[in-house]
């Protein structure tokens, strides 16, 4: 029956005789078989017996079987098929219930799957599924590792803004380094397409009263402010509510802003005085802040609000340099909920910081504070939006690991989106959640005032035991070779609180990047699953130059489907490498 169907689909293409590589690729696509050209080219070469660059119908059938008849899928199919030829509707229901953990399973769901994926008409009409149909179902979006429920905005979006992690970029206009590289509109377009919700626009006076955007006091090129706004207008609202919050320095109070509403502010400029520091002074300031102790030795040694022990000490003072900036009153008055306020200390914020004021803290200072005063830091991020940005010495636009700052509730962890690598993999993976909206509700223990969460000292938790059986690879990507004989391995990593960080690796499968089979099982105990990200990395073993990166996929643990699942792979630049993927079985319990 399958043979009759197969021949009926391809025989017209062979009426003129043999077909070449390009027609072979097109015929596979016509049969709804996703395949990589580089792999098809190698398999075509192996099956072209006469080596003339043209194959017969029988040779095409051999190629088709190599690509579609994966042994691991056949084993699953045969387990649930009563005759190893057909899945009855009840067999499919059993598979979906026992292996795929399909909630509220019914014959209706099974029937819909059969109607959607079974290509043989007579089998489809009998409400059955052939191996051809089962293969197409297992390769479909319904069997991806990422949960469908997480593909839409499903979280409560009515909380205050400080209750969310917010996808944030640093110096968005830069597409290269921080000092002499070009500024480009593509930085904004690219960031917005990736779901970024906090863009940085450094605005300066330009020639002929035309504002420009660039990294001030550097040799980076300049963009016209109006073209930046036009680009944002075009791409920002593809999934948004047409609302913008302006984060900036602000003149005066909210009351004064309200009183000026409706007045003509054109050309009106006011001065703002701020503290400044060069690179050396910034380092000194960070050392100073580490040793700064604001609590008096004469006072109570415990903060009544946070429960944090106060350290005995003295107040330290350091003279600061200041500079005066001119700020357009019209721009200042656009700042309502996100007024930029320089961070001084946690105690100062508790006493004086207003609900609409938020801080930016450099990564070095933030890292020290997270180690020295973690409870105060988390208390601060419960109340105020806190932005972490890369240190000034990252002139090459490199990034830090954002996970350490998500662990303490920092809402805006700003990265250089133009720089690929692990930090951006984590960024892209985390914000897949909640429909890719760029907003993720923080876990309750980073929002609730009665929580005493410390990522480095987990006392109470409900850990998840995660088991991943890495079964096989599917048409893995190749970079420097036209052969599909690479030596491949997979690394599975957990990112989260320090105690959950873990990495495990498969053995190397020699000379097979087309369909390597590992069948290796890995177990992870994860104490804070709400913050955990799982990263799959595929590499090609290199004995001299080291392993070569082939692809990766990162996603939140709680967005993982159970059962037999396909793991898509992405390049270093974040581009899809379909149909390259991994085939896994996932199971976890709390």
Protein backbone atom coordinates (compact mmCIF):
# COMPACT_ATOMS: atom_id res chain seq x y z
CA UNK A 1 0.00 0.00 0.00
CA UNK A 2 2.78 2.42 0.93
CA UNK A 3 4.71 1.37 -2.18
CA UNK A 4 1.70 2.11 -4.42
CA UNK A 5 1.28 5.52 -2.83
CA UNK A 6 4.99 6.29 -3.14
CA UNK A 7 5.20 5.31 -6.83
CA UNK A 8 2.03 7.26 -7.65
CA UNK A 9 3.67 10.38 -6.24
CA UNK A 10 7.00 10.15 -8.07
CA UNK A 11 6.56 8.22 -11.33
CA UNK A 12 5.59 11.29 -13.38
CA UNK A 13 8.93 12.87 -12.48
CA UNK A 14 10.79 9.93 -14.02
CA UNK A 15 8.88 9.72 -17.31
CA UNK A 16 11.78 11.47 -19.02
CA UNK A 17 14.30 9.07 -17.51
CA UNK A 18 16.80 9.77 -14.74
CA UNK A 19 16.82 12.93 -12.65
CA UNK A 20 19.68 15.10 -11.39
CA UNK A 21 20.49 16.41 -7.88
CA UNK A 22 18.40 19.58 -8.16
CA UNK A 23 15.29 17.63 -9.26
CA UNK A 24 15.91 15.12 -6.47
CA UNK A 25 15.86 17.94 -3.92
CA UNK A 26 12.65 19.39 -5.39
CA UNK A 27 10.96 15.96 -5.44
CA UNK A 28 11.79 15.39 -1.75
CA UNK A 29 10.25 18.78 -0.94
CA UNK A 30 7.18 17.84 -3.01
CA UNK A 31 6.83 14.78 -0.74
CA UNK A 32 6.95 17.12 2.32
CA UNK A 33 10.36 15.81 3.36
CA UNK A 34 12.51 18.53 4.88
CA UNK A 35 16.15 18.01 4.03
CA UNK A 36 19.43 19.86 3.97
CA UNK A 37 20.95 20.30 0.52
CA UNK A 38 24.46 19.46 1.74
CA UNK A 39 23.24 16.12 3.17
CA UNK A 40 21.10 15.30 0.10
CA UNK A 41 24.11 16.02 -2.10
CA UNK A 42 26.26 13.49 -0.20
CA UNK A 43 23.52 10.82 -0.13
CA UNK A 44 22.84 11.40 -3.84
CA UNK A 45 26.54 10.89 -4.55
CA UNK A 46 26.62 7.65 -2.52
CA UNK A 47 23.59 6.22 -4.39
CA UNK A 48 24.47 7.34 -7.92
CA UNK A 49 25.87 3.95 -8.97
CA UNK A 50 27.10 5.03 -12.42
CA UNK A 51 28.49 8.33 -11.10
CA UNK A 52 26.89 10.29 -13.95
CA UNK A 53 25.07 12.85 -11.80
CA UNK A 54 21.67 11.31 -12.61
CA UNK A 55 19.69 8.63 -10.73
CA UNK A 56 16.94 6.10 -11.50
CA UNK A 57 13.60 5.77 -9.73
CA UNK A 58 14.99 2.88 -7.65
CA UNK A 59 17.99 4.94 -6.63
CA UNK A 60 15.65 7.76 -5.63
CA UNK A 61 13.64 5.32 -3.52
CA UNK A 62 16.85 4.30 -1.73
CA UNK A 63 17.64 7.97 -1.01
CA UNK A 64 14.09 8.53 0.28
CA UNK A 65 14.37 5.57 2.66
CA UNK A 66 17.74 6.76 4.00
CA UNK A 67 16.30 10.19 4.80
CA UNK A 68 12.88 9.19 6.19
CA UNK A 69 13.16 5.69 7.68
CA UNK A 70 14.98 6.49 10.89
CA UNK A 71 15.45 3.42 13.08
CA UNK A 72 14.52 5.24 16.29
CA UNK A 73 11.15 6.26 14.83
CA UNK A 74 10.54 2.75 13.48
CA UNK A 75 11.12 1.33 16.99
CA UNK A 76 8.53 3.67 18.51
CA UNK A 77 6.05 2.96 15.71
CA UNK A 78 6.45 -0.83 16.06
CA UNK A 79 5.93 -0.62 19.83
CA UNK A 80 2.40 0.74 19.36
CA UNK A 81 1.45 -0.86 16.02
CA UNK A 82 -0.26 -4.25 16.35
CA UNK A 83 0.99 -5.48 12.95
CA UNK A 84 4.04 -3.19 12.47
CA UNK A 85 2.31 -1.69 9.42
CA UNK A 86 -0.56 0.48 10.68
CA UNK A 87 -1.43 2.46 13.81
CA UNK A 88 -5.12 2.18 14.67
CA UNK A 89 -6.78 5.21 16.15
CA UNK A 90 -6.70 3.57 19.60
CA UNK A 91 -2.97 2.83 19.18
CA UNK A 92 -2.32 6.51 18.49
CA UNK A 93 -4.37 7.54 21.55
CA UNK A 94 -2.28 5.13 23.65
CA UNK A 95 0.98 6.59 22.30
CA UNK A 96 -0.10 10.19 22.87
CA UNK A 97 -1.24 9.42 26.42
CA UNK A 98 1.64 7.26 27.58
CA UNK A 99 4.56 8.85 25.77
CA UNK A 100 3.61 12.42 24.87
CA UNK A 101 1.73 13.25 28.10
CA UNK A 102 -1.06 14.81 26.07
CA UNK A 103 -3.52 16.40 28.51
CA UNK A 104 -7.24 15.68 28.07
CA UNK A 105 -6.55 13.06 25.41
CA UNK A 106 -9.47 12.01 23.20
CA UNK A 107 -10.15 10.18 19.95
CA UNK A 108 -11.01 13.56 18.42
CA UNK A 109 -7.43 14.76 18.90
CA UNK A 110 -6.06 11.53 17.44
CA UNK A 111 -8.44 11.81 14.48
CA UNK A 112 -7.31 15.40 13.82
CA UNK A 113 -3.65 14.31 13.84
CA UNK A 114 -4.40 11.52 11.37
CA UNK A 115 -6.27 13.89 9.06
CA UNK A 116 -3.44 16.40 9.19
CA UNK A 117 -0.38 14.18 8.75
CA UNK A 118 -1.42 10.91 7.06
CA UNK A 119 -0.53 11.23 3.32
CA UNK A 120 -2.12 7.96 2.09
CA UNK A 121 -5.78 8.64 1.39
CA UNK A 122 -7.18 5.14 1.99
CA UNK A 123 -5.36 4.90 5.33
CA UNK A 124 -6.55 8.36 6.33
CA UNK A 125 -10.18 7.49 5.50
CA UNK A 126 -9.94 4.38 7.68
CA UNK A 127 -8.89 6.61 10.62
CA UNK A 128 -5.50 4.92 10.73
CA UNK A 129 -1.88 6.04 10.45
CA UNK A 130 0.90 4.55 8.35
CA UNK A 131 4.58 4.86 9.13
CA UNK A 132 4.69 7.64 6.52
CA UNK A 133 2.10 9.61 8.48
CA UNK A 134 3.71 8.86 11.84
CA UNK A 135 7.09 10.14 10.56
CA UNK A 136 5.49 13.37 9.39
CA UNK A 137 3.75 13.83 12.75
CA UNK A 138 6.97 13.25 14.72
CA UNK A 139 8.73 15.83 12.53
CA UNK A 140 5.94 18.40 12.92
CA UNK A 141 5.80 21.52 15.13
CA UNK A 142 3.45 19.59 17.46
CA UNK A 143 6.40 17.46 18.60
CA UNK A 144 8.83 20.30 19.29
CA UNK A 145 10.42 20.53 22.75
CA UNK A 146 9.00 24.02 23.40
CA UNK A 147 5.45 24.03 24.82
CA UNK A 148 2.71 25.48 22.63
CA UNK A 149 1.16 27.14 25.70
CA UNK A 150 4.31 29.26 26.12
CA UNK A 151 4.07 30.54 22.54
CA UNK A 152 1.30 32.95 23.52
CA UNK A 153 1.07 35.63 26.21
CA UNK A 154 -0.33 33.59 29.10
CA UNK A 155 1.04 35.32 32.20
CA UNK A 156 -0.78 37.95 34.27
CA UNK A 157 0.19 41.26 32.63
CA UNK A 158 -1.50 43.53 35.20
CA UNK A 159 1.35 43.65 37.74
CA UNK A 160 3.53 46.74 38.30
CA UNK A 161 6.38 46.99 35.78
CA UNK A 162 9.00 46.10 38.40
CA UNK A 163 7.46 42.61 38.70
CA UNK A 164 8.72 41.60 35.24
CA UNK A 165 11.95 40.62 33.57
CA UNK A 166 12.20 42.92 30.52
CA UNK A 167 14.20 42.12 27.40
CA UNK A 168 16.79 44.94 27.28
CA UNK A 169 19.61 45.97 24.95
CA UNK A 170 22.71 48.07 25.57
CA UNK A 171 23.74 50.86 23.16
CA UNK A 172 21.27 49.46 20.65
CA UNK A 173 22.52 51.61 17.78
CA UNK A 174 25.98 49.97 17.78
CA UNK A 175 26.58 46.97 15.52
CA UNK A 176 30.28 46.50 16.29
CA UNK A 177 32.58 47.80 19.03
CA UNK A 178 31.89 50.54 21.57
CA UNK A 179 34.56 53.09 20.65
CA UNK A 180 35.14 53.45 16.90
CA UNK A 181 32.57 51.15 15.28
CA UNK A 182 29.59 52.15 13.15
CA UNK A 183 26.16 53.11 14.42
CA UNK A 184 23.41 51.58 12.30
CA UNK A 185 19.61 51.48 12.20
CA UNK A 186 19.91 47.71 11.81
CA UNK A 187 20.79 47.57 15.51
CA UNK A 188 17.26 48.75 16.36
CA UNK A 189 15.53 46.63 13.73
CA UNK A 190 17.42 43.49 14.74
CA UNK A 191 16.80 44.01 18.47
CA UNK A 192 13.08 44.64 17.97
CA UNK A 193 12.71 41.56 15.78
CA UNK A 194 14.31 39.55 18.61
CA UNK A 195 11.64 40.81 21.02
CA UNK A 196 13.70 43.51 22.75
CA UNK A 197 11.54 45.90 24.77
CA UNK A 198 14.12 48.31 26.18
CA UNK A 199 16.09 50.20 23.53
CA UNK A 200 18.91 52.63 24.26
CA UNK A 201 19.02 55.91 22.31
CA UNK A 202 21.93 58.16 23.27
CA UNK A 203 20.74 61.52 21.98
CA UNK A 204 23.09 64.50 21.44
CA UNK A 205 22.98 67.91 19.80
CA UNK A 206 23.95 67.73 16.12
CA UNK A 207 24.57 70.21 13.36
CA UNK A 208 21.79 72.67 12.43
CA UNK A 209 19.75 71.79 15.54
CA UNK A 210 19.31 68.22 14.27
CA UNK A 211 19.61 65.71 17.17
CA UNK A 212 21.94 62.78 16.55
CA UNK A 213 22.43 59.35 18.14
CA UNK A 214 25.88 57.94 18.92
CA UNK A 215 28.08 56.77 21.79
CA UNK A 216 29.06 60.12 23.30
CA UNK A 217 32.73 61.11 23.57
CA UNK A 218 33.78 58.25 21.23
CA UNK A 219 34.52 57.93 17.50
CA UNK A 220 31.44 55.86 16.70
CA UNK A 221 29.48 57.14 13.70
CA UNK A 222 26.28 59.17 14.12
CA UNK A 223 22.65 58.53 13.17
CA UNK A 224 19.94 61.14 12.80
CA UNK A 225 17.57 60.92 15.75
CA UNK A 226 14.54 61.17 13.47
CA UNK A 227 15.60 58.13 11.39
CA UNK A 228 16.03 56.12 14.59
CA UNK A 229 12.50 57.03 15.68
CA UNK A 230 11.15 56.16 12.23
CA UNK A 231 12.78 52.71 12.38
CA UNK A 232 11.38 52.09 15.86
CA UNK A 233 7.93 53.22 14.72
CA UNK A 234 8.06 50.71 11.86
CA UNK A 235 9.17 47.67 13.85
CA UNK A 236 8.27 48.24 17.53
CA UNK A 237 4.55 47.67 17.33
CA UNK A 238 4.41 44.38 15.42
CA UNK A 239 3.26 42.76 18.72
CA UNK A 240 2.71 45.58 21.15
CA UNK A 241 -0.08 47.91 22.49
CA UNK A 242 1.24 51.09 20.81
CA UNK A 243 2.55 52.44 24.12
CA UNK A 244 6.04 53.73 24.87
CA UNK A 245 7.74 54.58 28.16
CA UNK A 246 10.62 57.05 27.95
CA UNK A 247 13.42 56.42 30.45
CA UNK A 248 15.59 59.50 30.91
CA UNK A 249 16.80 62.13 33.33
CA UNK A 250 13.94 64.37 34.43
CA UNK A 251 13.61 67.99 35.47
CA UNK A 252 11.36 68.63 38.48
CA UNK A 253 8.52 66.57 39.93
CA UNK A 254 5.56 64.73 38.42
CA UNK A 255 3.31 67.44 39.82
CA UNK A 256 5.26 70.14 37.96
CA UNK A 257 5.12 68.06 34.79
CA UNK A 258 1.36 67.76 35.12
CA UNK A 259 1.02 71.52 35.62
CA UNK A 260 2.93 72.13 32.35
CA UNK A 261 0.63 69.84 30.37
CA UNK A 262 -0.61 71.56 27.22
CA UNK A 263 1.88 74.43 27.39
CA UNK A 264 4.28 75.31 24.55
CA UNK A 265 7.71 73.81 25.41
CA UNK A 266 9.39 74.27 22.04
CA UNK A 267 13.00 75.44 22.45
CA UNK A 268 12.84 75.38 26.25
CA UNK A 269 15.93 73.84 27.84
CA UNK A 270 16.88 73.34 31.48
CA UNK A 271 20.10 72.25 33.16
CA UNK A 272 20.70 68.96 34.96
CA UNK A 273 23.71 68.41 37.21
CA UNK A 274 25.11 64.91 37.46
CA UNK A 275 28.14 63.15 38.89
CA UNK A 276 30.70 61.92 36.37
CA UNK A 277 33.67 59.58 36.44
CA UNK A 278 36.22 58.46 33.87
CA UNK A 279 37.19 54.80 33.52
CA UNK A 280 39.78 54.88 36.29
CA UNK A 281 37.44 56.77 38.59
CA UNK A 282 34.65 54.27 37.86
CA UNK A 283 36.89 51.46 39.05
CA UNK A 284 37.78 53.46 42.17
CA UNK A 285 34.11 54.24 42.75
CA UNK A 286 33.22 50.55 42.56
CA UNK A 287 35.94 49.73 45.11
CA UNK A 288 34.64 52.56 47.29
CA UNK A 289 31.04 51.36 47.10
CA UNK A 290 32.10 47.85 48.07
CA UNK A 291 33.50 49.18 51.31
CA UNK A 292 30.76 51.76 51.90
CA UNK A 293 28.80 51.10 55.11
CA UNK A 294 25.91 53.45 55.67
CA UNK A 295 24.54 52.00 58.89
CA UNK A 296 25.54 53.71 62.14
CA UNK A 297 27.22 51.65 64.82
CA UNK A 298 24.92 53.34 67.32
CA UNK A 299 21.68 52.21 65.65
CA UNK A 300 19.67 49.00 65.70
CA UNK A 301 21.67 46.22 64.02
CA UNK A 302 18.74 44.85 62.00
CA UNK A 303 16.69 46.52 59.30
CA UNK A 304 13.02 46.25 60.25
CA UNK A 305 11.86 46.23 56.63
CA UNK A 306 14.21 43.64 55.14
CA UNK A 307 15.29 41.69 58.20
CA UNK A 308 18.90 42.10 57.02
CA UNK A 309 21.62 42.40 59.65
CA UNK A 310 23.33 45.80 59.66
CA UNK A 311 27.09 45.90 59.83
CA UNK A 312 28.80 48.16 62.37
CA UNK A 313 30.86 50.83 60.67
CA UNK A 314 31.23 54.47 59.80
CA UNK A 315 29.90 56.77 57.11
CA UNK A 316 32.46 57.31 54.35
CA UNK A 317 32.57 60.36 52.12
CA UNK A 318 34.13 60.95 48.74
CA UNK A 319 34.11 64.14 46.75
CA UNK A 320 32.48 63.64 43.36
CA UNK A 321 33.03 65.47 40.08
CA UNK A 322 29.92 66.94 38.53
CA UNK A 323 28.91 68.25 35.12
CA UNK A 324 25.91 70.17 33.87
CA UNK A 325 23.80 68.85 31.02
CA UNK A 326 21.11 70.61 29.07
CA UNK A 327 17.83 68.72 28.77
CA UNK A 328 14.93 69.69 26.54
CA UNK A 329 11.89 70.33 28.73
CA UNK A 330 9.59 68.59 26.24
CA UNK A 331 11.71 65.40 26.47
CA UNK A 332 11.90 65.65 30.25
CA UNK A 333 8.13 65.88 30.53
CA UNK A 334 7.73 62.63 28.57
CA UNK A 335 9.42 60.83 31.48
CA UNK A 336 6.74 59.64 33.90
CA UNK A 337 7.15 56.08 35.20
CA UNK A 338 10.82 55.55 34.36
CA UNK A 339 12.89 58.42 35.69
CA UNK A 340 16.63 57.65 35.60
CA UNK A 341 18.13 58.15 39.04
CA UNK A 342 21.77 57.47 39.96
CA UNK A 343 22.15 54.58 42.41
CA UNK A 344 23.75 55.65 45.71
CA UNK A 345 23.07 52.86 48.17
CA UNK A 346 20.32 50.44 49.13
CA UNK A 347 19.67 52.41 52.30
CA UNK A 348 19.35 55.67 50.38
CA UNK A 349 16.87 54.01 48.01
CA UNK A 350 14.80 52.62 50.89
CA UNK A 351 14.57 56.06 52.45
CA UNK A 352 14.28 58.40 49.47
CA UNK A 353 13.71 56.65 46.12
CA UNK A 354 10.28 57.23 44.56
CA UNK A 355 8.14 54.57 42.84
CA UNK A 356 8.81 56.04 39.38
CA UNK A 357 12.58 56.26 39.78
CA UNK A 358 14.88 53.51 38.58
CA UNK A 359 18.60 52.84 38.64
CA UNK A 360 21.30 51.67 36.28
CA UNK A 361 24.19 49.77 37.89
CA UNK A 362 27.38 48.61 36.15
CA UNK A 363 28.00 44.87 36.08
CA UNK A 364 31.12 45.02 38.31
CA UNK A 365 29.43 46.96 41.08
CA UNK A 366 26.25 44.88 40.72
CA UNK A 367 28.23 41.64 40.99
CA UNK A 368 29.95 42.80 44.18
CA UNK A 369 26.69 43.95 45.73
CA UNK A 370 25.00 40.66 44.82
CA UNK A 371 27.68 38.84 46.81
CA UNK A 372 27.98 41.23 49.75
CA UNK A 373 24.35 42.31 50.18
CA UNK A 374 22.17 39.86 48.31
CA UNK A 375 19.08 40.26 50.56
CA UNK A 376 19.14 44.04 50.24
CA UNK A 377 19.67 43.76 46.49
CA UNK A 378 16.63 41.50 46.09
CA UNK A 379 14.57 43.78 48.34
CA UNK A 380 15.62 46.68 46.09
CA UNK A 381 14.60 44.90 42.86
CA UNK A 382 11.20 44.05 44.36
CA UNK A 383 10.43 47.76 44.65
CA UNK A 384 12.40 49.47 41.89
CA UNK A 385 13.25 48.77 38.28
CA UNK A 386 16.98 48.04 38.15
CA UNK A 387 19.04 47.99 34.96
CA UNK A 388 22.41 46.24 34.75
CA UNK A 389 24.74 47.28 31.95
CA UNK A 390 28.14 46.02 30.68
CA UNK A 391 31.27 47.49 32.24
CA UNK A 392 33.06 50.26 30.32
CA UNK A 393 36.10 48.09 29.60
CA UNK A 394 34.01 45.87 27.28
CA UNK A 395 35.06 48.00 24.31
CA UNK A 396 34.72 44.94 22.06
CA UNK A 397 30.97 44.77 22.87
CA UNK A 398 31.37 41.46 24.71
CA UNK A 399 28.65 40.42 27.18
CA UNK A 400 28.44 39.12 30.74
CA UNK A 401 26.33 36.15 31.82
CA UNK A 402 22.85 37.64 32.46
CA UNK A 403 21.71 34.70 34.60
CA UNK A 404 23.45 35.94 37.76
CA UNK A 405 21.40 39.15 37.68
CA UNK A 406 18.09 37.49 36.78
CA UNK A 407 18.70 35.33 39.86
CA UNK A 408 18.40 38.43 42.09
CA UNK A 409 15.39 39.91 40.28
CA UNK A 410 17.04 42.60 38.12
CA UNK A 411 14.42 43.58 35.57
CA UNK A 412 16.54 45.08 32.77
CA UNK A 413 19.72 43.10 32.18
CA UNK A 414 21.08 44.96 29.15
CA UNK A 415 23.22 43.09 26.63
CA UNK A 416 24.99 43.99 23.40
CA UNK A 417 22.54 42.31 21.01
CA UNK A 418 25.01 42.48 18.11
CA UNK A 419 27.44 40.09 19.82
CA UNK A 420 26.65 36.36 19.49
CA UNK A 421 27.62 33.80 22.11
CA UNK A 422 26.45 32.21 25.33
CA UNK A 423 24.97 35.37 26.96
CA UNK A 424 22.78 36.11 23.92
CA UNK A 425 21.78 32.43 23.70
CA UNK A 426 20.51 32.69 27.28
CA UNK A 427 18.80 36.00 26.52
CA UNK A 428 17.03 34.63 23.44
CA UNK A 429 16.11 31.41 25.23
CA UNK A 430 14.67 33.08 28.32
CA UNK A 431 12.48 35.46 26.35
CA UNK A 432 10.97 32.72 24.18
CA UNK A 433 8.54 32.42 27.09
CA UNK A 434 5.24 34.31 27.42
CA UNK A 435 4.71 34.54 23.67
CA UNK A 436 8.07 36.19 23.01
CA UNK A 437 6.50 39.42 24.28
CA UNK A 438 9.73 40.58 25.95
CA UNK A 439 8.06 40.60 29.38
CA UNK A 440 8.24 37.66 31.79
CA UNK A 441 6.61 37.73 35.22
CA UNK A 442 9.26 37.20 37.88
CA UNK A 443 8.82 34.17 40.19
CA UNK A 444 6.82 34.86 43.34
CA UNK A 445 9.90 34.63 45.58
CA UNK A 446 11.45 37.59 43.73
CA UNK A 447 8.24 39.63 44.05
CA UNK A 448 6.85 38.95 47.53
CA UNK A 449 8.18 40.98 50.46
CA UNK A 450 7.93 38.08 52.95
CA UNK A 451 10.32 35.94 50.89
CA UNK A 452 13.94 35.56 52.06
CA UNK A 453 15.21 34.02 48.85
CA UNK A 454 18.98 33.81 48.39
CA UNK A 455 20.13 32.22 45.10
CA UNK A 456 23.42 31.13 46.69
CA UNK A 457 21.81 29.52 49.74
CA UNK A 458 18.59 27.70 48.90
CA UNK A 459 17.03 26.52 52.16
CA UNK A 460 13.51 25.64 51.09
CA UNK A 461 12.76 24.31 47.62
CA UNK A 462 10.68 21.85 45.66
CA UNK A 463 13.32 20.48 43.28
CA UNK A 464 12.56 18.99 39.91
CA UNK A 465 14.25 15.80 38.74
CA UNK A 466 14.82 16.26 35.01
CA UNK A 467 15.69 13.26 32.84
CA UNK A 468 16.73 13.70 29.22
CA UNK A 469 17.42 10.74 26.95
CA UNK A 470 19.37 12.07 24.01
CA UNK A 471 18.40 9.63 21.27
CA UNK A 472 19.77 10.95 17.99
CA UNK A 473 20.69 13.83 15.72
CA UNK A 474 18.91 14.73 12.51
CA UNK A 475 20.88 16.22 9.58
CA UNK A 476 23.24 18.11 11.85
CA UNK A 477 24.78 21.27 10.36
CA UNK A 478 28.22 21.24 8.79
CA UNK A 479 30.36 24.30 8.29
CA UNK A 480 33.81 23.66 6.83
CA UNK A 481 33.15 20.45 4.95
CA UNK A 482 30.86 19.23 2.19
CA UNK A 483 30.98 15.74 3.67
CA UNK A 484 28.47 14.48 6.25
CA UNK A 485 31.11 12.45 8.08
CA UNK A 486 31.69 14.78 11.05
CA UNK A 487 32.55 13.50 14.56
CA UNK A 488 29.63 14.84 16.59
CA UNK A 489 28.80 15.25 20.28
CA UNK A 490 26.17 17.06 22.35
CA UNK A 491 26.54 19.05 25.58
CA UNK A 492 23.51 19.67 27.83
CA UNK A 493 23.86 22.59 30.25
CA UNK A 494 21.69 23.92 33.06
CA UNK A 495 21.82 27.64 33.91
CA UNK A 496 20.10 28.95 37.02
CA UNK A 497 21.02 29.52 40.66
CA UNK A 498 24.63 28.50 41.43
CA UNK A 499 23.68 25.13 42.91
CA UNK A 500 21.76 24.19 39.74
CA UNK A 501 24.57 24.99 37.29
CA UNK A 502 25.61 21.74 35.60
CA UNK A 503 26.99 20.41 32.33
CA UNK A 504 26.93 16.88 30.91
CA UNK A 505 28.25 15.58 27.61
CA UNK A 506 27.62 12.64 25.28
CA UNK A 507 30.26 10.43 23.75
CA UNK A 508 31.52 11.30 20.27
CA UNK A 509 29.84 9.60 17.30
CA UNK A 510 32.52 9.18 14.64
CA UNK A 511 32.00 10.10 10.99
CA UNK A 512 28.25 10.70 11.14
CA UNK A 513 26.61 14.12 11.18
CA UNK A 514 23.60 12.94 9.16
CA UNK A 515 21.99 10.59 11.69
CA UNK A 516 24.18 10.04 14.79
CA UNK A 517 22.61 7.91 17.54
CA UNK A 518 23.65 8.32 21.16
CA UNK A 519 20.86 6.80 23.28
CA UNK A 520 22.38 8.30 26.41
CA UNK A 521 20.39 9.34 29.48
CA UNK A 522 21.20 12.33 31.69
CA UNK A 523 19.61 13.30 35.02
CA UNK A 524 19.62 16.75 36.63
CA UNK A 525 18.33 17.77 40.08
CA UNK A 526 17.11 21.38 39.74
CA UNK A 527 16.25 23.19 42.97
CA UNK A 528 14.88 26.44 41.50
CA UNK A 529 13.18 25.42 38.23
CA UNK A 530 11.50 28.84 37.89
CA UNK A 531 14.89 30.38 37.03
CA UNK A 532 16.45 27.45 35.16
CA UNK A 533 17.37 27.47 31.47
CA UNK A 534 18.37 24.32 29.56
CA UNK A 535 20.90 24.67 26.72
CA UNK A 536 21.70 22.01 24.11
CA UNK A 537 24.97 22.53 22.23
CA UNK A 538 26.10 20.43 19.25
CA UNK A 539 29.80 20.33 18.43
CA UNK A 540 32.11 18.62 15.98
CA UNK A 541 35.15 17.16 17.67
CA UNK A 542 38.46 18.68 16.68
CA UNK A 543 41.64 17.18 18.05
CA UNK A 544 44.01 19.99 17.08
CA UNK A 545 42.04 23.26 16.88
CA UNK A 546 39.44 22.24 19.46
CA UNK A 547 35.76 21.47 19.03
CA UNK A 548 33.77 23.34 16.42
CA UNK A 549 30.37 24.83 17.33
CA UNK A 550 27.59 23.50 15.06
CA UNK A 551 24.38 24.71 16.69
CA UNK A 552 22.50 25.28 19.94
CA UNK A 553 19.05 25.64 21.47
CA UNK A 554 18.18 27.24 24.80
CA UNK A 555 14.80 27.39 26.55
CA UNK A 556 13.29 27.75 30.05
CA UNK A 557 12.95 24.44 31.89
CA UNK A 558 9.26 25.05 32.63
CA UNK A 559 8.58 25.55 28.89
CA UNK A 560 9.75 22.03 28.06
CA UNK A 561 7.30 19.43 26.79
CA UNK A 562 7.57 15.87 28.07
CA UNK A 563 7.88 12.81 25.86
CA UNK A 564 9.52 12.28 22.48
CA UNK A 565 10.48 15.73 21.25
CA UNK A 566 12.48 17.43 18.53
CA UNK A 567 15.03 20.08 19.53
CA UNK A 568 15.57 22.66 16.74
CA UNK A 569 19.04 24.11 16.34
CA UNK A 570 20.18 27.68 15.80
CA UNK A 571 23.45 29.11 14.51
CA UNK A 572 25.84 31.28 16.51
CA UNK A 573 24.05 34.32 15.04
CA UNK A 574 20.64 32.99 16.14
CA UNK A 575 19.45 31.86 12.69
CA UNK A 576 17.39 28.69 12.29
CA UNK A 577 19.31 25.65 11.00
CA UNK A 578 16.21 23.63 10.08
CA UNK A 579 15.89 20.76 9.45
CA UNK A 580 18.91 20.14 11.70
CA UNK A 581 17.68 19.02 15.11
CA UNK A 582 18.10 16.61 18.01
CA UNK A 583 15.64 13.87 18.97
CA UNK A 584 15.14 13.44 22.70
CA UNK A 585 12.85 11.91 25.31
CA UNK A 586 12.14 14.25 28.24
CA UNK A 587 10.62 13.45 31.59
CA UNK A 588 10.52 15.45 34.82
CA UNK A 589 8.72 15.27 38.14
CA UNK A 590 8.55 17.58 41.15
